[in-house]
Amino acid sequence: MDHYAPDNNRRRFIKLTAISLAAAPFASTLLSGTAHAAEMVAESDPQASALGYVADAAKSDKRTDTAAACHNCGLYTGKEGEESGPCAIFQGKLVHANGWCTAWVKKAG
């Protein structure tokens, strides 16, 4: 009685092909070595709108401290002097350094 041995090479080929097809859309990003820049938060974004975010703090009628802006907020993690940076509130998006929202808290230090 002959025992049929499974064709492991064919199975391996099919698995590698499936993995390659799944990874293909990410290949250019992985191989380029450059990250894509995050997008800016729009004032019309539902979360931004709920927090009264404005790209120019001077245009906010809700701001009580005239010195308050994203660049001096404790939630802002952008580098000093840059035009925009990340904010802990708007995960994965950038805010204008001169922007403002109701979540503003004075930066410690």
PDB file of N, CA and C in Angstrom:
ATOM      1  N   MET A   1       0.841  -1.164   0.000  1.00  0.00           N
ATOM      2  CA  MET A   1       0.000   0.000   0.000  1.00  0.00           C
ATOM      3  C   MET A   1       0.889   1.232   0.000  1.00  0.00           C
ATOM      4  N   ASP A   2       0.673   2.075  -0.938  1.00  0.00           N
ATOM      5  CA  ASP A   2       1.466   3.299  -1.052  1.00  0.00           C
ATOM      6  C   ASP A   2       0.862   4.390  -0.176  1.00  0.00           C
ATOM      7  N   HIS A   3       1.746   5.074   0.532  1.00  0.00           N
ATOM      8  CA  HIS A   3       1.309   6.225   1.323  1.00  0.00           C
ATOM      9  C   HIS A   3       1.647   7.484   0.544  1.00  0.00           C
ATOM     10  N   TYR A   4       0.659   8.304   0.374  1.00  0.00           N
ATOM     11  CA  TYR A   4       0.854   9.548  -0.366  1.00  0.00           C
ATOM     12  C   TYR A   4       1.448  10.597   0.573  1.00  0.00           C
ATOM     13  N   ALA A   5       2.597  11.079   0.254  1.00  0.00           N
ATOM     14  CA  ALA A   5       3.245  12.126   1.057  1.00  0.00           C
ATOM     15  C   ALA A   5       2.765  13.489   0.560  1.00  0.00           C
ATOM     16  N   PRO A   6       2.336  14.345   1.486  1.00  0.00           N
ATOM     17  CA  PRO A   6       1.865  15.664   1.069  1.00  0.00           C
ATOM     18  C   PRO A   6       2.998  16.463   0.429  1.00  0.00           C
ATOM     19  N   ASP A   7       2.612  17.268  -0.507  1.00  0.00           N
ATOM     20  CA  ASP A   7       3.592  18.078  -1.228  1.00  0.00           C
ATOM     21  C   ASP A   7       3.857  19.348  -0.418  1.00  0.00           C
ATOM     22  N   ASN A   8       4.862  19.305   0.445  1.00  0.00           N
ATOM     23  CA  ASN A   8       5.184  20.433   1.321  1.00  0.00           C
ATOM     24  C   ASN A   8       5.663  21.653   0.551  1.00  0.00           C
ATOM     25  N   ASN A   9       6.313  21.432  -0.572  1.00  0.00           N
ATOM     26  CA  ASN A   9       6.786  22.566  -1.365  1.00  0.00           C
ATOM     27  C   ASN A   9       5.614  23.387  -1.893  1.00  0.00           C
ATOM     28  N   ARG A  10       4.572  22.719  -2.331  1.00  0.00           N
ATOM     29  CA  ARG A  10       3.392  23.424  -2.855  1.00  0.00           C
ATOM     30  C   ARG A  10       2.716  24.210  -1.733  1.00  0.00           C
ATOM     31  N   ARG A  11       2.577  23.606  -0.569  1.00  0.00           N
ATOM     32  CA  ARG A  11       1.949  24.295   0.566  1.00  0.00           C
ATOM     33  C   ARG A  11       2.762  25.521   0.977  1.00  0.00           C
ATOM     34  N   ARG A  12       4.059  25.349   1.010  1.00  0.00           N
ATOM     35  CA  ARG A  12       4.924  26.463   1.373  1.00  0.00           C
ATOM     36  C   ARG A  12       4.813  27.591   0.351  1.00  0.00           C
ATOM     37  N   PHE A  13       4.774  27.246  -0.918  1.00  0.00           N
ATOM     38  CA  PHE A  13       4.634  28.246  -1.976  1.00  0.00           C
ATOM     39  C   PHE A  13       3.320  29.020  -1.825  1.00  0.00           C
ATOM     40  N   ILE A  14       2.241  28.312  -1.552  1.00  0.00           N
ATOM     41  CA  ILE A  14       0.932  28.966  -1.406  1.00  0.00           C
ATOM     42  C   ILE A  14       0.939  29.899  -0.198  1.00  0.00           C
ATOM     43  N   LYS A  15       1.515  29.471   0.924  1.00  0.00           N
ATOM     44  CA  LYS A  15       1.581  30.323   2.107  1.00  0.00           C
ATOM     45  C   LYS A  15       2.406  31.585   1.845  1.00  0.00           C
ATOM     46  N   LEU A  16       3.564  31.411   1.223  1.00  0.00           N
ATOM     47  CA  LEU A  16       4.415  32.562   0.933  1.00  0.00           C
ATOM     48  C   LEU A  16       3.755  33.528  -0.045  1.00  0.00           C
ATOM     49  N   THR A  17       3.041  32.988  -1.016  1.00  0.00           N
ATOM     50  CA  THR A  17       2.332  33.840  -1.969  1.00  0.00           C
ATOM     51  C   THR A  17       1.248  34.650  -1.270  1.00  0.00           C
ATOM     52  N   ALA A  18       0.490  34.001  -0.384  1.00  0.00           N
ATOM     53  CA  ALA A  18      -0.578  34.699   0.340  1.00  0.00           C
ATOM     54  C   ALA A  18       0.001  35.794   1.236  1.00  0.00           C
ATOM     55  N   ILE A  19       1.086  35.495   1.910  1.00  0.00           N
ATOM     56  CA  ILE A  19       1.726  36.493   2.778  1.00  0.00           C
ATOM     57  C   ILE A  19       2.268  37.646   1.950  1.00  0.00           C
ATOM     58  N   SER A  20       2.868  37.348   0.829  1.00  0.00           N
ATOM     59  CA  SER A  20       3.422  38.391  -0.043  1.00  0.00           C
ATOM     60  C   SER A  20       2.334  39.306  -0.571  1.00  0.00           C
ATOM     61  N   LEU A  21       1.217  38.724  -0.968  1.00  0.00           N
ATOM     62  CA  LEU A  21       0.112  39.541  -1.474  1.00  0.00           C
ATOM     63  C   LEU A  21      -0.467  40.432  -0.384  1.00  0.00           C
ATOM     64  N   ALA A  22      -0.523  39.921   0.835  1.00  0.00           N
ATOM     65  CA  ALA A  22      -1.048  40.715   1.940  1.00  0.00           C
ATOM     66  C   ALA A  22      -0.093  41.846   2.308  1.00  0.00           C
ATOM     67  N   ALA A  23       1.201  41.624   2.171  1.00  0.00           N
ATOM     68  CA  ALA A  23       2.198  42.622   2.558  1.00  0.00           C
ATOM     69  C   ALA A  23       2.532  43.613   1.448  1.00  0.00           C
ATOM     70  N   ALA A  24       2.137  43.338   0.232  1.00  0.00           N
ATOM     71  CA  ALA A  24       2.501  44.180  -0.912  1.00  0.00           C
ATOM     72  C   ALA A  24       2.135  45.655  -0.742  1.00  0.00           C
ATOM     73  N   PRO A  25       0.936  45.992  -0.241  1.00  0.00           N
ATOM     74  CA  PRO A  25       0.614  47.417  -0.101  1.00  0.00           C
ATOM     75  C   PRO A  25       1.543  48.170   0.853  1.00  0.00           C
ATOM     76  N   PHE A  26       2.164  47.471   1.785  1.00  0.00           N
ATOM     77  CA  PHE A  26       3.030  48.110   2.761  1.00  0.00           C
ATOM     78  C   PHE A  26       4.500  48.101   2.353  1.00  0.00           C
ATOM     79  N   ALA A  27       4.814  47.403   1.301  1.00  0.00           N
ATOM     80  CA  ALA A  27       6.206  47.223   0.898  1.00  0.00           C
ATOM     81  C   ALA A  27       6.888  48.548   0.572  1.00  0.00           C
ATOM     82  N   SER A  28       6.239  49.425  -0.150  1.00  0.00           N
ATOM     83  CA  SER A  28       6.881  50.685  -0.517  1.00  0.00           C
ATOM     84  C   SER A  28       7.170  51.537   0.712  1.00  0.00           C
ATOM     85  N   THR A  29       6.278  51.524   1.689  1.00  0.00           N
ATOM     86  CA  THR A  29       6.501  52.276   2.919  1.00  0.00           C
ATOM     87  C   THR A  29       7.660  51.685   3.702  1.00  0.00           C
ATOM     88  N   LEU A  30       7.697  50.381   3.790  1.00  0.00           N
ATOM     89  CA  LEU A  30       8.760  49.730   4.545  1.00  0.00           C
ATOM     90  C   LEU A  30      10.121  49.897   3.886  1.00  0.00           C
ATOM     91  N   LEU A  31      10.156  49.862   2.575  1.00  0.00           N
ATOM     92  CA  LEU A  31      11.419  49.932   1.864  1.00  0.00           C
ATOM     93  C   LEU A  31      11.911  51.355   1.638  1.00  0.00           C
ATOM     94  N   SER A  32      11.015  52.327   1.661  1.00  0.00           N
ATOM     95  CA  SER A  32      11.415  53.703   1.378  1.00  0.00           C
ATOM     96  C   SER A  32      12.214  54.318   2.516  1.00  0.00           C
ATOM     97  N   GLY A  33      11.954  53.889   3.745  1.00  0.00           N
ATOM     98  CA  GLY A  33      12.691  54.416   4.884  1.00  0.00           C
ATOM     99  C   GLY A  33      12.204  55.774   5.350  1.00  0.00           C
ATOM    100  N   THR A  34      11.128  56.271   4.772  1.00  0.00           N
ATOM    101  CA  THR A  34      10.589  57.548   5.205  1.00  0.00           C
ATOM    102  C   THR A  34       9.169  57.349   5.698  1.00  0.00           C
ATOM    103  N   ALA A  35       8.830  58.054   6.746  1.00  0.00           N
ATOM    104  CA  ALA A  35       7.484  57.952   7.296  1.00  0.00           C
ATOM    105  C   ALA A  35       6.610  59.019   6.651  1.00  0.00           C
ATOM    106  N   HIS A  36       5.359  58.728   6.538  1.00  0.00           N
ATOM    107  CA  HIS A  36       4.421  59.706   6.006  1.00  0.00           C
ATOM    108  C   HIS A  36       4.042  60.682   7.118  1.00  0.00           C
ATOM    109  N   ALA A  37       3.943  61.929   6.787  1.00  0.00           N
ATOM    110  CA  ALA A  37       3.590  62.941   7.764  1.00  0.00           C
ATOM    111  C   ALA A  37       2.136  62.783   8.189  1.00  0.00           C
ATOM    112  N   ALA A  38       1.900  63.032   9.446  1.00  0.00           N
ATOM    113  CA  ALA A  38       0.535  62.982   9.956  1.00  0.00           C
ATOM    114  C   ALA A  38      -0.228  64.182   9.404  1.00  0.00           C
ATOM    115  N   GLU A  39      -1.522  64.038   9.323  1.00  0.00           N
ATOM    116  CA  GLU A  39      -2.336  65.137   8.803  1.00  0.00           C
ATOM    117  C   GLU A  39      -2.723  66.091   9.924  1.00  0.00           C
ATOM    118  N   MET A  40      -3.044  67.290   9.535  1.00  0.00           N
ATOM    119  CA  MET A  40      -3.441  68.322  10.483  1.00  0.00           C
ATOM    120  C   MET A  40      -4.898  68.098  10.918  1.00  0.00           C
ATOM    121  N   VAL A  41      -5.191  68.451  12.134  1.00  0.00           N
ATOM    122  CA  VAL A  41      -6.565  68.404  12.632  1.00  0.00           C
ATOM    123  C   VAL A  41      -7.329  69.548  11.975  1.00  0.00           C
ATOM    124  N   ALA A  42      -8.474  69.234  11.432  1.00  0.00           N
ATOM    125  CA  ALA A  42      -9.324  70.270  10.841  1.00  0.00           C
ATOM    126  C   ALA A  42     -10.276  70.800  11.915  1.00  0.00           C
ATOM    127  N   GLU A  43     -10.565  72.074  11.848  1.00  0.00           N
ATOM    128  CA  GLU A  43     -11.503  72.660  12.807  1.00  0.00           C
ATOM    129  C   GLU A  43     -12.881  72.016  12.692  1.00  0.00           C
ATOM    130  N   SER A  44     -13.182  71.461  11.527  1.00  0.00           N
ATOM    131  CA  SER A  44     -14.474  70.822  11.293  1.00  0.00           C
ATOM    132  C   SER A  44     -14.516  69.368  11.773  1.00  0.00           C
ATOM    133  N   ASP A  45     -13.364  68.818  12.185  1.00  0.00           N
ATOM    134  CA  ASP A  45     -13.314  67.461  12.723  1.00  0.00           C
ATOM    135  C   ASP A  45     -14.256  67.394  13.929  1.00  0.00           C
ATOM    136  N   PRO A  46     -15.078  66.335  14.039  1.00  0.00           N
ATOM    137  CA  PRO A  46     -16.054  66.270  15.143  1.00  0.00           C
ATOM    138  C   PRO A  46     -15.438  66.442  16.535  1.00  0.00           C
ATOM    139  N   GLN A  47     -14.314  65.803  16.791  1.00  0.00           N
ATOM    140  CA  GLN A  47     -13.670  65.926  18.101  1.00  0.00           C
ATOM    141  C   GLN A  47     -13.139  67.346  18.294  1.00  0.00           C
ATOM    142  N   ALA A  48     -12.514  67.898  17.268  1.00  0.00           N
ATOM    143  CA  ALA A  48     -11.980  69.254  17.345  1.00  0.00           C
ATOM    144  C   ALA A  48     -13.106  70.262  17.558  1.00  0.00           C
ATOM    145  N   SER A  49     -14.188  70.073  16.853  1.00  0.00           N
ATOM    146  CA  SER A  49     -15.333  70.967  16.975  1.00  0.00           C
ATOM    147  C   SER A  49     -15.921  70.910  18.388  1.00  0.00           C
ATOM    148  N   ALA A  50     -16.008  69.705  18.951  1.00  0.00           N
ATOM    149  CA  ALA A  50     -16.550  69.541  20.303  1.00  0.00           C
ATOM    150  C   ALA A  50     -15.668  70.223  21.351  1.00  0.00           C
ATOM    151  N   LEU A  51     -14.373  70.289  21.081  1.00  0.00           N
ATOM    152  CA  LEU A  51     -13.438  70.918  22.011  1.00  0.00           C
ATOM    153  C   LEU A  51     -13.170  72.382  21.679  1.00  0.00           C
ATOM    154  N   GLY A  52     -13.852  72.912  20.688  1.00  0.00           N
ATOM    155  CA  GLY A  52     -13.679  74.311  20.313  1.00  0.00           C
ATOM    156  C   GLY A  52     -12.312  74.613  19.736  1.00  0.00           C
ATOM    157  N   TYR A  53     -11.677  73.626  19.081  1.00  0.00           N
ATOM    158  CA  TYR A  53     -10.335  73.821  18.517  1.00  0.00           C
ATOM    159  C   TYR A  53     -10.370  74.852  17.401  1.00  0.00           C
ATOM    160  N   VAL A  54      -9.398  75.753  17.443  1.00  0.00           N
ATOM    161  CA  VAL A  54      -9.176  76.712  16.364  1.00  0.00           C
ATOM    162  C   VAL A  54      -7.690  76.701  16.038  1.00  0.00           C
ATOM    163  N   ALA A  55      -7.370  76.839  14.770  1.00  0.00           N
ATOM    164  CA  ALA A  55      -5.973  76.831  14.334  1.00  0.00           C
ATOM    165  C   ALA A  55      -5.251  78.110  14.750  1.00  0.00           C
ATOM    166  N   ASP A  56      -5.996  79.178  14.976  1.00  0.00           N
ATOM    167  CA  ASP A  56      -5.428  80.448  15.422  1.00  0.00           C
ATOM    168  C   ASP A  56      -6.104  80.827  16.737  1.00  0.00           C
ATOM    169  N   ALA A  57      -5.367  80.719  17.843  1.00  0.00           N
ATOM    170  CA  ALA A  57      -5.930  80.955  19.170  1.00  0.00           C
ATOM    171  C   ALA A  57      -6.566  82.340  19.304  1.00  0.00           C
ATOM    172  N   ALA A  58      -6.052  83.315  18.595  1.00  0.00           N
ATOM    173  CA  ALA A  58      -6.587  84.672  18.683  1.00  0.00           C
ATOM    174  C   ALA A  58      -8.025  84.754  18.180  1.00  0.00           C
ATOM    175  N   LYS A  59      -8.445  83.778  17.378  1.00  0.00           N
ATOM    176  CA  LYS A  59      -9.798  83.797  16.823  1.00  0.00           C
ATOM    177  C   LYS A  59     -10.819  83.093  17.709  1.00  0.00           C
ATOM    178  N   SER A  60     -10.395  82.572  18.858  1.00  0.00           N
ATOM    179  CA  SER A  60     -11.315  81.867  19.750  1.00  0.00           C
ATOM    180  C   SER A  60     -12.012  82.845  20.684  1.00  0.00           C
ATOM    181  N   ASP A  61     -13.332  82.721  20.763  1.00  0.00           N
ATOM    182  CA  ASP A  61     -14.080  83.559  21.695  1.00  0.00           C
ATOM    183  C   ASP A  61     -14.240  82.868  23.055  1.00  0.00           C
ATOM    184  N   LYS A  62     -13.810  81.604  23.162  1.00  0.00           N
ATOM    185  CA  LYS A  62     -13.916  80.842  24.411  1.00  0.00           C
ATOM    186  C   LYS A  62     -12.652  80.947  25.268  1.00  0.00           C
ATOM    187  N   ARG A  63     -11.569  81.383  24.704  1.00  0.00           N
ATOM    188  CA  ARG A  63     -10.278  81.433  25.397  1.00  0.00           C
ATOM    189  C   ARG A  63     -10.271  82.594  26.383  1.00  0.00           C
ATOM    190  N   THR A  64      -9.973  82.294  27.654  1.00  0.00           N
ATOM    191  CA  THR A  64      -9.947  83.344  28.681  1.00  0.00           C
ATOM    192  C   THR A  64      -8.536  83.839  28.960  1.00  0.00           C
ATOM    193  N   ASP A  65      -7.534  82.978  28.791  1.00  0.00           N
ATOM    194  CA  ASP A  65      -6.135  83.354  28.992  1.00  0.00           C
ATOM    195  C   ASP A  65      -5.555  83.702  27.622  1.00  0.00           C
ATOM    196  N   THR A  66      -5.224  84.953  27.411  1.00  0.00           N
ATOM    197  CA  THR A  66      -4.746  85.377  26.094  1.00  0.00           C
ATOM    198  C   THR A  66      -3.387  84.783  25.727  1.00  0.00           C
ATOM    199  N   ALA A  67      -2.670  84.251  26.698  1.00  0.00           N
ATOM    200  CA  ALA A  67      -1.376  83.629  26.418  1.00  0.00           C
ATOM    201  C   ALA A  67      -1.521  82.143  26.079  1.00  0.00           C
ATOM    202  N   ALA A  68      -2.698  81.572  26.293  1.00  0.00           N
ATOM    203  CA  ALA A  68      -2.913  80.143  26.078  1.00  0.00           C
ATOM    204  C   ALA A  68      -2.914  79.799  24.592  1.00  0.00           C
ATOM    205  N   ALA A  69      -2.101  78.819  24.230  1.00  0.00           N
ATOM    206  CA  ALA A  69      -2.017  78.311  22.856  1.00  0.00           C
ATOM    207  C   ALA A  69      -1.483  76.888  22.928  1.00  0.00           C
ATOM    208  N   CYS A  70      -1.620  76.166  21.853  1.00  0.00           N
ATOM    209  CA  CYS A  70      -1.167  74.765  21.844  1.00  0.00           C
ATOM    210  C   CYS A  70       0.305  74.625  22.225  1.00  0.00           C
ATOM    211  N   HIS A  71       1.157  75.533  21.744  1.00  0.00           N
ATOM    212  CA  HIS A  71       2.598  75.399  21.997  1.00  0.00           C
ATOM    213  C   HIS A  71       2.969  75.486  23.469  1.00  0.00           C
ATOM    214  N   ASN A  72       2.099  76.072  24.323  1.00  0.00           N
ATOM    215  CA  ASN A  72       2.398  76.119  25.753  1.00  0.00           C
ATOM    216  C   ASN A  72       1.390  75.313  26.572  1.00  0.00           C
ATOM    217  N   CYS A  73       0.808  74.315  25.925  1.00  0.00           N
ATOM    218  CA  CYS A  73      -0.146  73.409  26.580  1.00  0.00           C
ATOM    219  C   CYS A  73       0.579  72.144  27.030  1.00  0.00           C
ATOM    220  N   GLY A  74       0.186  71.598  28.152  1.00  0.00           N
ATOM    221  CA  GLY A  74       0.776  70.376  28.670  1.00  0.00           C
ATOM    222  C   GLY A  74       0.497  69.148  27.831  1.00  0.00           C
ATOM    223  N   LEU A  75      -0.485  69.205  26.944  1.00  0.00           N
ATOM    224  CA  LEU A  75      -0.843  68.076  26.096  1.00  0.00           C
ATOM    225  C   LEU A  75      -0.122  68.093  24.752  1.00  0.00           C
ATOM    226  N   TYR A  76       0.485  69.207  24.435  1.00  0.00           N
ATOM    227  CA  TYR A  76       1.191  69.392  23.162  1.00  0.00           C
ATOM    228  C   TYR A  76       2.589  68.805  23.277  1.00  0.00           C
ATOM    229  N   THR A  77       2.957  67.945  22.334  1.00  0.00           N
ATOM    230  CA  THR A  77       4.272  67.301  22.398  1.00  0.00           C
ATOM    231  C   THR A  77       5.163  67.678  21.214  1.00  0.00           C
ATOM    232  N   GLY A  78       4.810  68.722  20.511  1.00  0.00           N
ATOM    233  CA  GLY A  78       5.632  69.182  19.401  1.00  0.00           C
ATOM    234  C   GLY A  78       6.894  69.860  19.894  1.00  0.00           C
ATOM    235  N   LYS A  79       7.849  69.997  18.998  1.00  0.00           N
ATOM    236  CA  LYS A  79       9.115  70.655  19.342  1.00  0.00           C
ATOM    237  C   LYS A  79       8.933  72.162  19.360  1.00  0.00           C
ATOM    238  N   GLU A  80       9.632  72.801  20.267  1.00  0.00           N
ATOM    239  CA  GLU A  80       9.534  74.251  20.387  1.00  0.00           C
ATOM    240  C   GLU A  80      10.017  74.924  19.109  1.00  0.00           C
ATOM    241  N   GLY A  81       9.273  75.906  18.655  1.00  0.00           N
ATOM    242  CA  GLY A  81       9.636  76.649  17.458  1.00  0.00           C
ATOM    243  C   GLY A  81       9.053  76.095  16.173  1.00  0.00           C
ATOM    244  N   GLU A  82       8.467  74.912  16.209  1.00  0.00           N
ATOM    245  CA  GLU A  82       7.870  74.340  15.000  1.00  0.00           C
ATOM    246  C   GLU A  82       6.457  74.865  14.806  1.00  0.00           C
ATOM    247  N   GLU A  83       6.015  74.866  13.575  1.00  0.00           N
ATOM    248  CA  GLU A  83       4.704  75.392  13.206  1.00  0.00           C
ATOM    249  C   GLU A  83       3.555  74.525  13.702  1.00  0.00           C
ATOM    250  N   SER A  84       3.797  73.211  13.829  1.00  0.00           N
ATOM    251  CA  SER A  84       2.769  72.286  14.281  1.00  0.00           C
ATOM    252  C   SER A  84       3.412  71.111  14.998  1.00  0.00           C
ATOM    253  N   GLY A  85       2.569  70.334  15.675  1.00  0.00           N
ATOM    254  CA  GLY A  85       3.081  69.174  16.387  1.00  0.00           C
ATOM    255  C   GLY A  85       1.951  68.306  16.883  1.00  0.00           C
ATOM    256  N   PRO A  86       2.277  67.134  17.426  1.00  0.00           N
ATOM    257  CA  PRO A  86       1.252  66.225  17.924  1.00  0.00           C
ATOM    258  C   PRO A  86       0.659  66.692  19.250  1.00  0.00           C
ATOM    259  N   CYS A  87      -0.561  66.266  19.488  1.00  0.00           N
ATOM    260  CA  CYS A  87      -1.278  66.576  20.717  1.00  0.00           C
ATOM    261  C   CYS A  87      -1.847  65.272  21.269  1.00  0.00           C
ATOM    262  N   ALA A  88      -1.797  65.100  22.575  1.00  0.00           N
ATOM    263  CA  ALA A  88      -2.300  63.876  23.203  1.00  0.00           C
ATOM    264  C   ALA A  88      -3.806  63.709  23.006  1.00  0.00           C
ATOM    265  N   ILE A  89      -4.518  64.781  22.812  1.00  0.00           N
ATOM    266  CA  ILE A  89      -5.970  64.710  22.616  1.00  0.00           C
ATOM    267  C   ILE A  89      -6.320  64.190  21.227  1.00  0.00           C
ATOM    268  N   PHE A  90      -5.628  64.667  20.214  1.00  0.00           N
ATOM    269  CA  PHE A  90      -5.921  64.306  18.825  1.00  0.00           C
ATOM    270  C   PHE A  90      -4.913  63.265  18.350  1.00  0.00           C
ATOM    271  N   GLN A  91      -5.074  62.043  18.775  1.00  0.00           N
ATOM    272  CA  GLN A  91      -4.136  60.962  18.478  1.00  0.00           C
ATOM    273  C   GLN A  91      -3.908  60.802  16.982  1.00  0.00           C
ATOM    274  N   GLY A  92      -2.640  60.806  16.583  1.00  0.00           N
ATOM    275  CA  GLY A  92      -2.276  60.576  15.192  1.00  0.00           C
ATOM    276  C   GLY A  92      -2.419  61.786  14.286  1.00  0.00           C
ATOM    277  N   LYS A  93      -2.773  62.931  14.836  1.00  0.00           N
ATOM    278  CA  LYS A  93      -2.929  64.141  14.028  1.00  0.00           C
ATOM    279  C   LYS A  93      -2.116  65.267  14.642  1.00  0.00           C
ATOM    280  N   LEU A  94      -1.830  66.254  13.825  1.00  0.00           N
ATOM    281  CA  LEU A  94      -1.064  67.411  14.270  1.00  0.00           C
ATOM    282  C   LEU A  94      -1.984  68.604  14.519  1.00  0.00           C
ATOM    283  N   VAL A  95      -1.583  69.458  15.436  1.00  0.00           N
ATOM    284  CA  VAL A  95      -2.299  70.705  15.690  1.00  0.00           C
ATOM    285  C   VAL A  95      -1.343  71.863  15.422  1.00  0.00           C
ATOM    286  N   HIS A  96      -1.882  73.012  15.111  1.00  0.00           N
ATOM    287  CA  HIS A  96      -1.069  74.209  14.903  1.00  0.00           C
ATOM    288  C   HIS A  96      -0.514  74.669  16.255  1.00  0.00           C
ATOM    289  N   ALA A  97       0.736  75.047  16.283  1.00  0.00           N
ATOM    290  CA  ALA A  97       1.367  75.504  17.523  1.00  0.00           C
ATOM    291  C   ALA A  97       0.639  76.724  18.095  1.00  0.00           C
ATOM    292  N   ASN A  98       0.066  77.539  17.220  1.00  0.00           N
ATOM    293  CA  ASN A  98      -0.661  78.727  17.669  1.00  0.00           C
ATOM    294  C   ASN A  98      -2.158  78.473  17.808  1.00  0.00           C
ATOM    295  N   GLY A  99      -2.556  77.203  17.758  1.00  0.00           N
ATOM    296  CA  GLY A  99      -3.960  76.849  17.927  1.00  0.00           C
ATOM    297  C   GLY A  99      -4.364  76.823  19.392  1.00  0.00           C
ATOM    298  N   TRP A 100      -5.614  76.467  19.646  1.00  0.00           N
ATOM    299  CA  TRP A 100      -6.124  76.402  21.017  1.00  0.00           C
ATOM    300  C   TRP A 100      -7.397  75.575  21.044  1.00  0.00           C
ATOM    301  N   CYS A 101      -7.659  74.898  22.165  1.00  0.00           N
ATOM    302  CA  CYS A 101      -8.942  74.214  22.391  1.00  0.00           C
ATOM    303  C   CYS A 101      -9.258  74.242  23.884  1.00  0.00           C
ATOM    304  N   THR A 102     -10.452  73.836  24.242  1.00  0.00           N
ATOM    305  CA  THR A 102     -10.882  73.896  25.640  1.00  0.00           C
ATOM    306  C   THR A 102     -10.158  72.893  26.531  1.00  0.00           C
ATOM    307  N   ALA A 103      -9.419  71.960  25.961  1.00  0.00           N
ATOM    308  CA  ALA A 103      -8.649  70.994  26.765  1.00  0.00           C
ATOM    309  C   ALA A 103      -7.304  71.565  27.195  1.00  0.00           C
ATOM    310  N   TRP A 104      -7.016  72.822  26.846  1.00  0.00           N
ATOM    311  CA  TRP A 104      -5.734  73.423  27.155  1.00  0.00           C
ATOM    312  C   TRP A 104      -5.458  73.396  28.654  1.00  0.00           C
ATOM    313  N   VAL A 105      -4.240  72.940  29.009  1.00  0.00           N
ATOM    314  CA  VAL A 105      -3.765  72.976  30.392  1.00  0.00           C
ATOM    315  C   VAL A 105      -2.357  73.557  30.383  1.00  0.00           C
ATOM    316  N   LYS A 106      -2.056  74.371  31.376  1.00  0.00           N
ATOM    317  CA  LYS A 106      -0.751  75.017  31.422  1.00  0.00           C
ATOM    318  C   LYS A 106       0.364  73.979  31.521  1.00  0.00           C
ATOM    319  N   LYS A 107       1.373  74.163  30.681  1.00  0.00           N
ATOM    320  CA  LYS A 107       2.528  73.266  30.670  1.00  0.00           C
ATOM    321  C   LYS A 107       3.307  73.426  31.964  1.00  0.00           C
ATOM    322  N   ALA A 108       3.623  72.314  32.605  1.00  0.00           N
ATOM    323  CA  ALA A 108       4.385  72.341  33.853  1.00  0.00           C
ATOM    324  C   ALA A 108       5.821  72.757  33.577  1.00  0.00           C
ATOM    325  N   GLY A 109       6.369  73.496  34.461  1.00  0.00           N
ATOM    326  CA  GLY A 109       7.782  73.827  34.355  1.00  0.00           C
ATOM    327  C   GLY A 109       8.008  75.158  33.900  1.00  0.00           C
TER     328      GLY A 109
END
